[in-house]
Amino acid sequence: MVLEVTAEILKQIHAHGEDAYPEEGAGLLLGYANGEQKQAVQVLLLGNAREQTARHNRYLLTPQDYLRGELEAGRQGLAVIGVFHSHPDHPDQPSEFDREWAMPWFSYLITSVQSGKAAGSRSWRLAEGRENFLEERIVLTNDERRMTEDE
């Protein structure tokens, strides 16, 4: 399982997590999927719709957020391939809450934001049985090439 992202996309994700700190920041990954390989070519930065008192350790993307993501992806010939969010002052690994709300076919890129500064990111996919997450290797690319159906 591989998630390709450009350094620029990862930079945008880190900046969004830092801007949201001390709350969780979130958004959608748009790109291509082919079997076990995904390529994120754009991010959709979204607000955290969770109630104010829970935003420090929870995020919520609304059905309208997902619809907006699907429409934007469709306009560009892309797909929504995952969600990114930040963990303020916590590790870049999924929580039990993340597991309960995750979908098995999405990538979940989590950024640890320590004292307001992005400290690292890891990507995860929910196992088919929903019992745990499997880590997905992040491959940083420097180019904007687009994955084809043959890859």
Foldseek 3Di string as FASTA:
>chain_A
DEEEEAPVQVVVLQVQCLVQPLFKWKWWFKADDAPLYTYGQDIDGDGFPPPPVCRNADGDDDPVRQVVVQVVNVVVVIHGAAMEMEHEQDDQFDDPVCLVPADQRHKYKYFYQYPSGTDDIWIWGQPPVSPGIDTHHYDYDNDSDHDDNVD
